[in-house]
């Protein structure tokens, strides 16, 4: 098919005027051809002559941008009569992102946008299905590996997918797998998976397509560790480069994966384009994916509201979700978030020496917990899809169970308990016991309006119960420094879950005192049950043990588990077949399509 390109903005402007006049009138019957389809391909305006029928029109929208002009079709092609033309944008989607990743090389990726893009280019050996338990071997689906089998208590044998190739045409081999595991384990790189892999997992190639994954000790999560963390990268590209230089490598030609899409263009600070690989099987219905990078949630949402973007991972709050839901060209799609938030009590005195004069007392913490309406707070701040979690977990974690016992909201019981504990209301409305006022501070990062809003709501509920509480907001680095040094009474924190519950060890067991258990909670019964659960390979028995452990934790009230939000994706109605896996919201992209 012939096409014409227009390169300069002034020529483009004249060209748009001419095309607009042409497109909004019917051509004479005897005219052989006319320009009907105009769209942006990379940085070029491409114009196709269309010959199939004379009585068609398209609506053209001109939008002035900071650099020149771009054209988009508004609403696709509109038939004025007769048959419908092919739609050149029907194989392309635009995703609005709130940030831009510094790299796409998997061992170096630490944030979600880089992971979302990179997972279309690079592959895991296997994928965990949505909602699957990390210890359930039946929950894994083939990806770069076509099969795997347990050899003994510490060894698995994998076989690569037949015909698997890198996007530069070279075959993917077992040596690439070995190289990738070593990269993710290397302290020079410092990948997020290093602590799970270094000194614990090794890969032994048996032939070009078969390899063993060996662990140093038995574990129910061996298959999870062999597949979830590591994306396979090409040894023939990266082995010659010193690992400490990988982060500075910006060569697009080095971002070669085995996945369904390849990196076609990356204009830093503006956009990135992925194109479907010619050998991808099954062939993706969406052939080109464009990420538009913004600096804040409002700018990203505005791209969707102006119909310049088809997808946004999350609306970013209930007000933004309502704005998107009011647009008939868009729909909102809730799905579980990996986050959960909490108010943690510091049971140690300032600086970690001795016990906190108020919050080290279990009965006082329990009474304070029953004074807080967690469910109402969660919904008011994060929207109707948000839940008050039954423990330290997000909605996507497989151990979630609504029947886990928690301390119920009961302000009358809370006040009565405080009275029986000797906390008597003073003339200023604040309770006292002996010479100690029931007064303390909640620390929040000033960069999080949502956490401050939660803190203010809790402050008011505790005021009614007779506690004098202040709220202190500090910059995030100061927030982190104060947590690490124990210089706080209570704080509002948030963690991101992976599909495994084992991260709770660093957050809430005694061993976590040296990690992120900032409140210095410890209960040997909880630690024992948690250890038993983490060693159990039967899903039902493990879930029962985790439930017992969480109920012990809840009864001690080391924290108020405040919210487990749902993300609300903003999706153009032209995107069809969309199913969102909360473990990776774009993981099903190759099966989606765009309607004409």
Protein backbone atom coordinates (compact mmCIF):
# COMPACT_ATOMS: atom_id res chain seq x y z
CA UNK A 1 0.00 0.00 0.00
CA UNK A 2 1.38 3.42 -0.93
CA UNK A 3 1.85 6.03 1.78
CA UNK A 4 3.11 9.56 2.20
CA UNK A 5 4.99 11.06 5.14
CA UNK A 6 4.92 14.64 6.37
CA UNK A 7 7.90 15.60 8.49
CA UNK A 8 7.79 19.28 9.53
CA UNK A 9 5.14 20.92 11.69
CA UNK A 10 4.31 23.73 9.26
CA UNK A 11 3.84 21.31 6.38
CA UNK A 12 1.82 19.07 8.65
CA UNK A 13 -0.51 21.91 9.58
CA UNK A 14 -1.24 22.70 5.92
CA UNK A 15 -1.65 19.01 5.24
CA UNK A 16 -4.18 18.59 8.08
CA UNK A 17 -6.30 21.44 6.72
CA UNK A 18 -6.37 19.84 3.27
CA UNK A 19 -7.15 16.38 4.63
CA UNK A 20 -9.86 17.71 6.91
CA UNK A 21 -11.64 19.30 3.95
CA UNK A 22 -11.32 16.09 1.97
CA UNK A 23 -12.49 13.80 4.73
CA UNK A 24 -15.68 15.70 5.47
CA UNK A 25 -17.21 15.64 2.01
CA UNK A 26 -18.17 12.87 -0.37
CA UNK A 27 -15.92 12.44 -3.32
CA UNK A 28 -17.21 12.45 -6.90
CA UNK A 29 -18.01 8.97 -8.20
CA UNK A 30 -15.32 9.14 -10.85
CA UNK A 31 -12.49 10.01 -8.47
CA UNK A 32 -10.10 7.03 -8.17
CA UNK A 33 -8.72 7.54 -4.69
CA UNK A 34 -8.69 9.79 -1.63
CA UNK A 35 -6.81 10.03 1.63
CA UNK A 36 -8.91 8.51 4.38
CA UNK A 37 -6.70 7.17 7.16
CA UNK A 38 -4.29 9.28 9.17
CA UNK A 39 -2.42 8.18 12.30
CA UNK A 40 0.78 8.64 14.26
CA UNK A 41 3.39 5.93 13.80
CA UNK A 42 6.46 6.50 15.97
CA UNK A 43 7.37 10.13 15.29
CA UNK A 44 5.95 10.20 11.75
CA UNK A 45 2.52 11.05 10.45
CA UNK A 46 1.53 8.23 8.11
CA UNK A 47 -1.24 8.72 5.56
CA UNK A 48 -2.75 5.79 3.69
CA UNK A 49 -4.80 6.15 0.48
CA UNK A 50 -7.84 3.94 0.83
CA UNK A 51 -9.49 2.56 -2.32
CA UNK A 52 -12.27 0.24 -1.15
CA UNK A 53 -15.28 2.58 -1.12
CA UNK A 54 -15.89 6.21 -1.88
CA UNK A 55 -18.57 6.95 0.75
CA UNK A 56 -16.62 6.91 4.03
CA UNK A 57 -15.43 9.62 6.33
CA UNK A 58 -13.28 9.95 9.43
CA UNK A 59 -13.22 12.54 12.16
CA UNK A 60 -9.81 14.09 12.56
CA UNK A 61 -8.74 15.83 15.75
CA UNK A 62 -5.75 18.14 15.86
CA UNK A 63 -4.07 18.58 19.20
CA UNK A 64 -1.34 21.10 19.87
CA UNK A 65 1.44 19.69 22.01
CA UNK A 66 4.61 21.13 23.36
CA UNK A 67 6.51 19.85 20.34
CA UNK A 68 4.67 20.31 17.09
CA UNK A 69 1.35 18.63 16.28
CA UNK A 70 0.05 15.10 16.43
CA UNK A 71 -3.03 13.54 14.90
CA UNK A 72 -5.32 10.97 16.48
CA UNK A 73 -8.56 9.43 15.28
CA UNK A 74 -11.43 10.36 17.57
CA UNK A 75 -13.76 7.40 17.91
CA UNK A 76 -12.11 5.47 15.07
CA UNK A 77 -13.45 5.46 11.52
CA UNK A 78 -17.03 6.50 11.08
CA UNK A 79 -18.85 4.98 8.13
CA UNK A 80 -20.95 7.51 6.19
CA UNK A 81 -22.41 4.71 4.13
CA UNK A 82 -21.52 1.31 2.72
CA UNK A 83 -18.88 -0.96 4.31
CA UNK A 84 -16.50 -0.17 7.20
CA UNK A 85 -12.86 0.56 6.61
CA UNK A 86 -10.00 -1.16 8.42
CA UNK A 87 -8.87 0.65 11.55
CA UNK A 88 -5.15 1.28 11.80
CA UNK A 89 -5.33 1.96 15.55
CA UNK A 90 -7.09 -1.31 16.25
CA UNK A 91 -3.79 -3.05 16.89
CA UNK A 92 -2.36 -0.30 19.13
CA UNK A 93 -3.05 0.75 22.71
CA UNK A 94 -1.65 3.59 24.79
CA UNK A 95 -0.96 3.17 28.51
CA UNK A 96 -0.65 6.18 30.81
CA UNK A 97 2.01 5.69 33.50
CA UNK A 98 2.63 7.83 36.56
CA UNK A 99 6.40 7.35 36.43
CA UNK A 100 9.16 6.28 34.08
CA UNK A 101 11.50 3.41 34.93
CA UNK A 102 15.25 4.07 34.87
CA UNK A 103 15.83 0.63 33.33
CA UNK A 104 14.03 -2.41 31.96
CA UNK A 105 16.77 -4.95 32.66
CA UNK A 106 14.99 -7.34 35.07
CA UNK A 107 17.68 -7.76 37.78
CA UNK A 108 17.81 -3.98 38.16
CA UNK A 109 14.06 -3.25 38.12
CA UNK A 110 12.67 -2.15 41.47
CA UNK A 111 9.37 -0.44 40.62
CA UNK A 112 6.09 -1.50 39.07
CA UNK A 113 6.15 0.36 35.75
CA UNK A 114 9.54 -1.14 34.87
CA UNK A 115 8.25 -4.56 35.84
CA UNK A 116 5.05 -4.13 33.80
CA UNK A 117 6.99 -3.20 30.66
CA UNK A 118 9.82 -5.65 31.19
CA UNK A 119 7.47 -8.59 31.69
CA UNK A 120 6.27 -8.16 28.10
CA UNK A 121 9.86 -8.48 26.87
CA UNK A 122 11.47 -10.95 29.28
CA UNK A 123 9.96 -14.19 30.56
CA UNK A 124 9.84 -16.23 33.74
CA UNK A 125 10.25 -19.99 33.53
CA UNK A 126 6.63 -20.37 34.70
CA UNK A 127 3.78 -18.09 35.76
CA UNK A 128 1.67 -18.34 38.92
CA UNK A 129 -2.01 -18.14 38.07
CA UNK A 130 -4.16 -15.43 39.62
CA UNK A 131 -5.21 -16.41 43.13
CA UNK A 132 -2.86 -19.38 43.20
CA UNK A 133 -1.03 -20.33 46.38
CA UNK A 134 2.74 -20.06 46.14
CA UNK A 135 3.13 -23.58 47.58
CA UNK A 136 0.68 -25.18 45.13
CA UNK A 137 2.63 -26.78 42.27
CA UNK A 138 -0.60 -27.15 40.27
CA UNK A 139 -1.03 -23.34 40.23
CA UNK A 140 1.91 -22.74 37.87
CA UNK A 141 1.60 -22.42 34.09
CA UNK A 142 4.34 -22.92 31.47
CA UNK A 143 6.14 -19.81 30.22
CA UNK A 144 9.75 -20.06 28.98
CA UNK A 145 9.88 -23.57 30.41
CA UNK A 146 7.47 -26.09 28.93
CA UNK A 147 7.72 -28.60 31.78
CA UNK A 148 9.29 -29.34 35.16
CA UNK A 149 9.44 -32.27 37.55
CA UNK A 150 10.71 -32.77 41.08
CA UNK A 151 13.85 -34.94 41.20
CA UNK A 152 14.32 -35.08 44.98
CA UNK A 153 13.62 -32.94 48.06
CA UNK A 154 15.96 -30.16 46.89
CA UNK A 155 16.09 -30.52 43.09
CA UNK A 156 13.79 -29.78 40.13
CA UNK A 157 14.42 -30.55 36.46
CA UNK A 158 13.15 -28.02 33.89
CA UNK A 159 12.97 -28.18 30.12
CA UNK A 160 12.81 -25.06 27.96
CA UNK A 161 10.03 -24.42 25.48
CA UNK A 162 10.89 -25.98 22.09
CA UNK A 163 12.06 -23.36 19.61
CA UNK A 164 12.48 -20.64 22.26
CA UNK A 165 14.56 -17.83 20.77
CA UNK A 166 15.83 -14.44 21.71
CA UNK A 167 14.48 -11.56 19.69
CA UNK A 168 17.79 -11.31 17.85
CA UNK A 169 17.27 -14.85 16.52
CA UNK A 170 19.61 -16.80 18.78
CA UNK A 171 18.35 -19.83 20.67
CA UNK A 172 17.56 -19.56 24.38
CA UNK A 173 19.67 -22.13 26.25
CA UNK A 174 20.14 -23.57 29.71
CA UNK A 175 23.27 -21.47 30.01
CA UNK A 176 21.09 -18.34 29.78
CA UNK A 177 19.06 -19.65 32.73
CA UNK A 178 22.19 -20.30 34.80
CA UNK A 179 23.53 -16.85 33.95
CA UNK A 180 20.22 -15.18 34.90
CA UNK A 181 19.99 -16.86 38.31
CA UNK A 182 23.56 -15.85 39.07
CA UNK A 183 22.78 -12.24 38.06
CA UNK A 184 19.73 -12.07 40.34
CA UNK A 185 21.84 -13.50 43.19
CA UNK A 186 24.81 -11.16 42.71
CA UNK A 187 25.37 -8.59 45.45
CA UNK A 188 26.93 -6.23 42.90
CA UNK A 189 23.52 -5.86 41.29
CA UNK A 190 21.48 -6.04 44.49
CA UNK A 191 18.25 -7.33 42.99
CA UNK A 192 15.14 -7.53 45.16
CA UNK A 193 15.38 -11.34 44.94
CA UNK A 194 18.98 -11.58 46.16
CA UNK A 195 18.05 -12.53 49.73
CA UNK A 196 15.89 -15.41 48.48
CA UNK A 197 18.42 -16.78 45.98
CA UNK A 198 22.01 -16.03 47.00
CA UNK A 199 23.64 -19.09 48.55
CA UNK A 200 20.33 -20.97 48.41
CA UNK A 201 19.63 -21.73 44.74
CA UNK A 202 21.84 -22.83 41.85
CA UNK A 203 21.26 -23.90 38.24
CA UNK A 204 23.08 -26.81 36.61
CA UNK A 205 22.66 -27.15 32.81
CA UNK A 206 22.30 -30.75 31.61
CA UNK A 207 22.00 -29.99 27.90
CA UNK A 208 21.08 -26.97 25.82
CA UNK A 209 17.40 -27.15 26.81
CA UNK A 210 17.42 -29.06 30.12
CA UNK A 211 18.70 -27.92 33.50
CA UNK A 212 18.43 -28.61 37.21
CA UNK A 213 17.44 -26.05 39.82
CA UNK A 214 18.99 -27.07 43.14
CA UNK A 215 18.19 -25.71 46.59
CA UNK A 216 20.30 -25.97 49.72
CA UNK A 217 17.35 -27.14 51.84
CA UNK A 218 13.80 -28.44 51.44
CA UNK A 219 11.01 -25.87 51.25
CA UNK A 220 7.37 -25.86 50.09
CA UNK A 221 8.13 -22.74 48.03
CA UNK A 222 10.94 -24.13 45.88
CA UNK A 223 8.90 -23.91 42.68
CA UNK A 224 7.95 -20.36 43.60
CA UNK A 225 11.59 -19.37 44.12
CA UNK A 226 12.58 -21.08 40.87
CA UNK A 227 10.02 -19.21 38.81
CA UNK A 228 8.59 -16.04 40.35
CA UNK A 229 11.59 -13.79 40.94
CA UNK A 230 13.85 -14.44 37.96
CA UNK A 231 13.27 -13.28 34.40
CA UNK A 232 15.68 -14.93 31.97
CA UNK A 233 18.13 -12.59 30.20
CA UNK A 234 20.52 -13.38 27.31
CA UNK A 235 24.03 -14.35 28.43
CA UNK A 236 25.46 -13.62 24.99
CA UNK A 237 24.60 -9.92 25.42
CA UNK A 238 25.25 -9.29 29.11
CA UNK A 239 28.01 -11.69 30.16
CA UNK A 240 30.78 -9.57 28.61
CA UNK A 241 29.74 -6.40 30.48
CA UNK A 242 30.83 -5.78 34.09
CA UNK A 243 27.77 -6.08 36.31
CA UNK A 244 28.44 -2.75 37.97
CA UNK A 245 27.99 -1.09 34.56
CA UNK A 246 24.63 -2.63 33.72
CA UNK A 247 22.63 0.19 35.25
CA UNK A 248 24.34 2.75 33.01
CA UNK A 249 23.70 0.81 29.78
CA UNK A 250 20.96 2.59 27.80
CA UNK A 251 21.44 0.69 24.53
CA UNK A 252 18.01 -0.42 23.30
CA UNK A 253 19.66 -3.17 21.27
CA UNK A 254 20.68 -4.84 24.52
CA UNK A 255 17.07 -5.13 25.74
CA UNK A 256 16.59 -8.43 23.97
CA UNK A 257 14.12 -10.85 25.50
CA UNK A 258 12.20 -13.98 24.56
CA UNK A 259 8.74 -12.57 25.32
CA UNK A 260 5.91 -11.56 22.99
CA UNK A 261 7.03 -7.92 22.60
CA UNK A 262 10.29 -6.18 21.80
CA UNK A 263 11.39 -2.64 22.61
CA UNK A 264 10.96 -0.58 19.45
CA UNK A 265 11.57 2.96 20.69
CA UNK A 266 12.20 4.76 23.97
CA UNK A 267 12.21 8.53 24.10
CA UNK A 268 13.12 9.17 27.70
CA UNK A 269 10.87 11.54 29.54
CA UNK A 270 8.07 11.05 27.00
CA UNK A 271 7.14 7.57 25.79
CA UNK A 272 8.20 3.99 25.13
CA UNK A 273 6.91 1.71 22.37
CA UNK A 274 6.78 -2.09 22.36
CA UNK A 275 6.07 -3.97 19.14
CA UNK A 276 4.88 -7.55 18.91
CA UNK A 277 7.62 -9.95 17.87
CA UNK A 278 7.20 -11.68 14.54
CA UNK A 279 7.82 -15.12 16.10
CA UNK A 280 5.57 -14.68 19.18
CA UNK A 281 3.15 -17.60 19.54
CA UNK A 282 0.30 -17.18 19.92
CA UNK A 283 0.53 -13.95 17.99
CA UNK A 284 -0.64 -11.00 20.15
CA UNK A 285 -3.82 -9.32 18.96
CA UNK A 286 -2.37 -5.97 20.02
CA UNK A 287 0.69 -5.35 17.86
CA UNK A 288 1.97 -2.14 19.40
CA UNK A 289 1.87 -0.87 22.99
CA UNK A 290 2.81 2.73 23.82
CA UNK A 291 3.56 3.91 27.36
CA UNK A 292 3.09 7.64 27.92
CA UNK A 293 5.09 8.77 30.97
CA UNK A 294 3.72 11.41 33.32
CA UNK A 295 4.88 12.78 36.65
CA UNK A 296 1.71 12.57 38.75
CA UNK A 297 -1.63 10.71 38.95
CA UNK A 298 -3.70 13.67 37.73
CA UNK A 299 -1.67 14.00 34.54
CA UNK A 300 -1.99 10.26 33.87
CA UNK A 301 -5.75 10.31 34.46
CA UNK A 302 -6.13 13.33 32.17
CA UNK A 303 -4.57 11.32 29.34
CA UNK A 304 -7.32 8.74 29.78
CA UNK A 305 -10.08 11.35 30.14
CA UNK A 306 -8.93 13.09 26.94
CA UNK A 307 -8.91 9.67 25.23
CA UNK A 308 -5.21 9.94 24.48
CA UNK A 309 -4.60 6.81 26.56
CA UNK A 310 -6.53 3.55 26.64
CA UNK A 311 -5.32 2.18 29.97
CA UNK A 312 -4.31 3.42 33.40
CA UNK A 313 -3.22 0.92 36.06
CA UNK A 314 -5.11 2.66 38.84
CA UNK A 315 -7.29 5.76 39.00
CA UNK A 316 -5.50 6.84 42.17
CA UNK A 317 -8.38 7.33 44.59
CA UNK A 318 -12.18 7.32 44.77
CA UNK A 319 -12.63 10.83 43.38
CA UNK A 320 -10.53 10.06 40.33
CA UNK A 321 -12.34 6.75 39.85
CA UNK A 322 -15.68 8.58 39.84
CA UNK A 323 -14.40 11.02 37.21
CA UNK A 324 -13.30 8.16 34.99
CA UNK A 325 -16.53 6.21 35.54
CA UNK A 326 -18.58 9.22 34.39
CA UNK A 327 -16.96 9.06 30.93
CA UNK A 328 -19.03 6.79 28.69
CA UNK A 329 -15.97 5.92 26.59
CA UNK A 330 -14.23 4.48 29.65
CA UNK A 331 -14.93 1.81 32.22
CA UNK A 332 -13.40 1.19 35.62
CA UNK A 333 -12.21 -2.30 36.54
CA UNK A 334 -11.49 -3.05 40.23
CA UNK A 335 -8.93 -5.72 41.11
CA UNK A 336 -7.03 -6.61 44.30
CA UNK A 337 -4.02 -4.50 45.23
CA UNK A 338 -0.80 -5.93 46.66
CA UNK A 339 -0.76 -3.28 49.41
CA UNK A 340 -1.96 -3.24 52.96
CA UNK A 341 -1.68 -0.43 55.49
CA UNK A 342 -1.62 -0.35 59.27
CA UNK A 343 -0.98 1.70 62.37
CA UNK A 344 1.91 0.10 64.23
CA UNK A 345 2.47 0.56 67.97
CA UNK A 346 6.00 0.94 69.29
CA UNK A 347 6.29 -1.40 72.28
CA UNK A 348 9.81 -0.19 73.05
CA UNK A 349 10.77 3.08 74.69
CA UNK A 350 12.29 5.83 72.58
CA UNK A 351 15.48 4.58 70.98
CA UNK A 352 14.61 0.95 71.70
CA UNK A 353 15.74 0.94 75.35
CA UNK A 354 13.21 -0.51 77.74
CA UNK A 355 9.44 -0.66 77.29
CA UNK A 356 7.05 2.02 76.09
CA UNK A 357 5.21 3.48 79.13
CA UNK A 358 1.79 3.08 77.45
CA UNK A 359 1.93 0.95 74.33
CA UNK A 360 3.91 -1.96 75.74
CA UNK A 361 0.78 -2.91 77.68
CA UNK A 362 -1.22 -5.52 75.71
CA UNK A 363 -4.55 -4.76 77.40
CA UNK A 364 -4.25 -1.04 76.67
CA UNK A 365 -3.46 -1.71 73.02
CA UNK A 366 -6.48 -4.00 72.76
CA UNK A 367 -8.76 -1.34 74.21
CA UNK A 368 -7.37 1.29 71.86
CA UNK A 369 -7.88 -1.09 68.91
CA UNK A 370 -11.58 -1.57 69.75
CA UNK A 371 -12.12 2.20 69.67
CA UNK A 372 -11.29 2.37 65.93
CA UNK A 373 -13.82 1.76 63.14
CA UNK A 374 -11.34 0.35 60.64
CA UNK A 375 -13.84 -0.52 57.91
CA UNK A 376 -15.39 2.96 57.78
CA UNK A 377 -11.96 4.62 57.78
CA UNK A 378 -10.73 2.39 54.96
CA UNK A 379 -13.69 3.05 52.69
CA UNK A 380 -13.77 6.78 53.38
CA UNK A 381 -10.14 7.24 52.38
CA UNK A 382 -9.64 4.66 49.64
CA UNK A 383 -13.11 3.97 48.23
CA UNK A 384 -15.83 1.32 48.45
CA UNK A 385 -13.71 -1.58 47.16
CA UNK A 386 -11.27 -1.23 50.07
CA UNK A 387 -11.50 -3.65 52.99
CA UNK A 388 -10.25 -3.62 56.56
CA UNK A 389 -7.95 -6.67 56.39
CA UNK A 390 -8.25 -9.59 58.84
CA UNK A 391 -4.54 -9.27 59.57
CA UNK A 392 -1.29 -8.13 57.94
CA UNK A 393 -2.17 -8.99 54.36
CA UNK A 394 -3.38 -7.53 51.08
CA UNK A 395 -6.43 -8.75 49.21
CA UNK A 396 -4.29 -10.76 46.78
CA UNK A 397 -2.52 -12.89 49.39
CA UNK A 398 -3.80 -16.47 49.30
CA UNK A 399 -4.03 -16.80 53.10
CA UNK A 400 -6.72 -14.07 53.28
CA UNK A 401 -9.81 -15.38 55.08
CA UNK A 402 -12.67 -13.16 56.21
CA UNK A 403 -13.38 -15.50 59.12
CA UNK A 404 -10.02 -14.87 60.83
CA UNK A 405 -10.81 -13.58 64.33
CA UNK A 406 -10.13 -9.88 64.87
CA UNK A 407 -10.86 -7.37 67.64
CA UNK A 408 -14.23 -5.90 66.72
CA UNK A 409 -15.07 -2.20 66.72
CA UNK A 410 -16.85 -1.58 70.01
CA UNK A 411 -16.28 1.92 71.46
CA UNK A 412 -18.31 1.17 74.58
CA UNK A 413 -16.22 -1.90 75.38
CA UNK A 414 -13.07 0.11 74.63
CA UNK A 415 -13.99 2.83 77.15
CA UNK A 416 -14.99 0.25 79.75
CA UNK A 417 -11.72 -1.65 79.32
CA UNK A 418 -9.69 1.53 79.75
CA UNK A 419 -11.60 2.34 82.95
CA UNK A 420 -10.95 -1.14 84.39
CA UNK A 421 -7.26 -0.77 83.51
CA UNK A 422 -7.10 2.36 85.65
CA UNK A 423 -7.15 4.92 82.86
CA UNK A 424 -9.44 7.58 84.35
CA UNK A 425 -10.74 10.60 82.42
CA UNK A 426 -9.21 13.88 83.59
CA UNK A 427 -10.61 17.42 83.50
CA UNK A 428 -9.10 17.95 80.04
CA UNK A 429 -10.84 14.84 78.68
CA UNK A 430 -7.60 12.82 78.53
CA UNK A 431 -7.30 9.69 80.64
CA UNK A 432 -4.57 9.24 83.24
CA UNK A 433 -3.21 6.31 85.18
CA UNK A 434 -1.09 7.41 88.07
CA UNK A 435 1.04 10.20 86.71
CA UNK A 436 0.90 8.96 83.12
CA UNK A 437 -1.41 10.62 80.57
CA UNK A 438 -2.89 8.40 77.86
CA UNK A 439 -1.19 10.56 75.25
CA UNK A 440 1.12 9.71 72.37
CA UNK A 441 1.96 10.67 68.78
CA UNK A 442 1.23 9.15 65.37
CA UNK A 443 4.07 9.55 62.86
CA UNK A 444 3.18 9.79 59.16
CA UNK A 445 5.09 10.67 55.98
CA UNK A 446 4.10 14.15 54.84
CA UNK A 447 4.22 12.90 51.24
CA UNK A 448 1.13 10.72 51.82
CA UNK A 449 -2.14 12.67 52.20
CA UNK A 450 -4.01 9.38 52.59
CA UNK A 451 -1.96 8.32 55.62
CA UNK A 452 -2.40 11.73 57.21
CA UNK A 453 -6.16 11.51 56.61
CA UNK A 454 -6.22 8.12 58.30
CA UNK A 455 -4.19 9.45 61.23
CA UNK A 456 -6.56 12.38 61.73
CA UNK A 457 -9.57 10.04 61.68
CA UNK A 458 -7.93 7.76 64.27
CA UNK A 459 -6.96 10.77 66.35
CA UNK A 460 -10.62 11.84 66.59
CA UNK A 461 -11.88 8.34 67.48
CA UNK A 462 -9.26 8.05 70.22
CA UNK A 463 -10.15 11.54 71.49
CA UNK A 464 -13.69 10.27 72.06
CA UNK A 465 -12.22 7.30 73.95
CA UNK A 466 -10.15 9.62 76.13
CA UNK A 467 -6.72 9.43 74.48
CA UNK A 468 -4.79 12.61 73.69
CA UNK A 469 -3.13 11.91 70.36
CA UNK A 470 -1.09 14.17 68.09
CA UNK A 471 -0.17 13.65 64.44
CA UNK A 472 3.31 14.49 63.14
CA UNK A 473 4.13 14.57 59.45
CA UNK A 474 7.75 14.44 58.28
CA UNK A 475 9.53 14.02 54.96
CA UNK A 476 9.80 10.41 53.90
CA UNK A 477 13.57 10.04 54.49
CA UNK A 478 13.08 11.42 58.01
CA UNK A 479 10.11 9.08 58.48
CA UNK A 480 12.27 6.08 57.56
CA UNK A 481 15.15 7.24 59.75
CA UNK A 482 12.89 7.69 62.78
CA UNK A 483 11.36 4.24 62.32
CA UNK A 484 14.78 2.64 62.08
CA UNK A 485 15.91 4.36 65.30
CA UNK A 486 12.70 3.71 67.19
CA UNK A 487 11.94 7.40 67.62
CA UNK A 488 8.15 7.20 67.46
CA UNK A 489 5.13 6.12 69.50
CA UNK A 490 2.94 4.89 66.65
CA UNK A 491 3.19 5.18 62.89
CA UNK A 492 1.09 4.53 59.82
CA UNK A 493 2.93 2.27 57.44
CA UNK A 494 2.19 0.27 54.32
CA UNK A 495 3.74 -2.84 52.79
CA UNK A 496 3.49 -4.48 49.39
CA UNK A 497 2.86 -8.22 49.37
CA UNK A 498 4.36 -10.73 47.03
CA UNK A 499 2.25 -13.86 46.43
CA UNK A 500 4.04 -15.58 49.33
CA UNK A 501 3.19 -14.82 52.98
CA UNK A 502 6.79 -15.35 54.10
CA UNK A 503 7.46 -11.59 54.02
CA UNK A 504 5.45 -11.40 57.27
CA UNK A 505 8.49 -12.84 59.06
CA UNK A 506 10.47 -9.62 58.62
CA UNK A 507 7.44 -7.54 59.51
CA UNK A 508 6.07 -9.24 62.64
CA UNK A 509 8.34 -12.00 64.07
CA UNK A 510 11.14 -11.59 66.58
CA UNK A 511 13.74 -12.08 63.83
CA UNK A 512 12.24 -9.01 62.14
CA UNK A 513 13.58 -6.72 64.87
CA UNK A 514 16.71 -6.46 62.76
CA UNK A 515 14.64 -5.85 59.61
CA UNK A 516 11.33 -3.96 59.49
CA UNK A 517 9.53 -5.00 62.68
CA UNK A 518 9.93 -1.43 63.88
CA UNK A 519 7.45 -1.76 66.74
CA UNK A 520 9.45 -4.62 68.34
CA UNK A 521 6.47 -6.96 68.58
CA UNK A 522 7.37 -10.47 69.74
CA UNK A 523 5.32 -13.49 70.75
CA UNK A 524 6.96 -16.95 70.71
CA UNK A 525 3.57 -18.56 70.01
CA UNK A 526 3.09 -16.48 66.88
CA UNK A 527 6.66 -17.19 65.72
CA UNK A 528 6.21 -20.93 66.27
CA UNK A 529 2.92 -21.15 64.37
CA UNK A 530 4.30 -18.99 61.56
CA UNK A 531 7.34 -21.26 61.21
CA UNK A 532 5.14 -24.38 61.12
CA UNK A 533 2.92 -22.78 58.45
CA UNK A 534 5.89 -21.79 56.30
CA UNK A 535 7.15 -25.41 56.32
CA UNK A 536 3.82 -27.00 55.40
CA UNK A 537 3.44 -28.06 51.76
CA UNK A 538 -0.29 -28.84 51.86
CA UNK A 539 -2.31 -25.75 50.98
CA UNK A 540 -5.23 -26.44 53.33
CA UNK A 541 -3.05 -27.34 56.31
CA UNK A 542 -0.76 -24.35 55.70
CA UNK A 543 -3.75 -21.99 55.49
CA UNK A 544 -5.07 -23.34 58.81
CA UNK A 545 -1.70 -22.78 60.50
CA UNK A 546 -1.36 -19.27 59.07
CA UNK A 547 -4.86 -18.52 60.35
CA UNK A 548 -3.92 -19.63 63.88
CA UNK A 549 -0.77 -17.50 63.76
CA UNK A 550 -2.64 -14.40 62.56
CA UNK A 551 -5.28 -14.82 65.27
CA UNK A 552 -2.55 -14.84 67.92
CA UNK A 553 -1.13 -11.68 66.36
CA UNK A 554 -4.55 -9.98 66.23
CA UNK A 555 -5.25 -10.81 69.86
CA UNK A 556 -2.01 -9.07 70.90
CA UNK A 557 -2.91 -5.92 68.91
CA UNK A 558 0.63 -4.91 67.93
CA UNK A 559 -1.01 -2.88 65.16
CA UNK A 560 -4.33 -1.80 63.71
CA UNK A 561 -4.60 -3.36 60.26
CA UNK A 562 -6.41 -0.50 58.57
CA UNK A 563 -6.81 -1.01 54.85
CA UNK A 564 -6.33 -3.42 51.97
CA UNK A 565 -7.30 -1.41 48.90
CA UNK A 566 -8.42 -2.53 45.50
CA UNK A 567 -6.83 -0.92 42.49
CA UNK A 568 -9.31 0.55 40.03
CA UNK A 569 -8.00 0.38 36.48
CA UNK A 570 -9.26 2.89 33.93
CA UNK A 571 -9.91 1.14 30.60
CA UNK A 572 -11.13 2.39 27.23
CA UNK A 573 -14.17 0.51 26.01
CA UNK A 574 -12.30 -0.20 22.78
CA UNK A 575 -10.10 -2.67 24.71
CA UNK A 576 -11.71 -6.13 24.68
CA UNK A 577 -10.94 -9.45 26.32
CA UNK A 578 -9.35 -7.75 29.32
CA UNK A 579 -8.73 -9.89 32.39
CA UNK A 580 -6.46 -8.50 35.10
CA UNK A 581 -4.16 -10.77 37.08
CA UNK A 582 -3.37 -8.89 40.32
CA UNK A 583 0.10 -10.50 40.42
CA UNK A 584 0.85 -8.54 37.23
CA UNK A 585 -1.94 -6.41 35.83
CA UNK A 586 -0.66 -6.53 32.23
CA UNK A 587 0.31 -10.20 32.23
CA UNK A 588 -2.63 -11.10 29.98
CA UNK A 589 -1.90 -8.35 27.44
CA UNK A 590 -1.04 -10.70 24.57
CA UNK A 591 -4.61 -12.09 24.71
CA UNK A 592 -6.36 -8.72 24.64
CA UNK A 593 -7.60 -7.01 21.49
CA UNK A 594 -8.89 -3.63 20.37
CA UNK A 595 -12.28 -3.28 18.70
CA UNK A 596 -12.71 -1.28 15.49
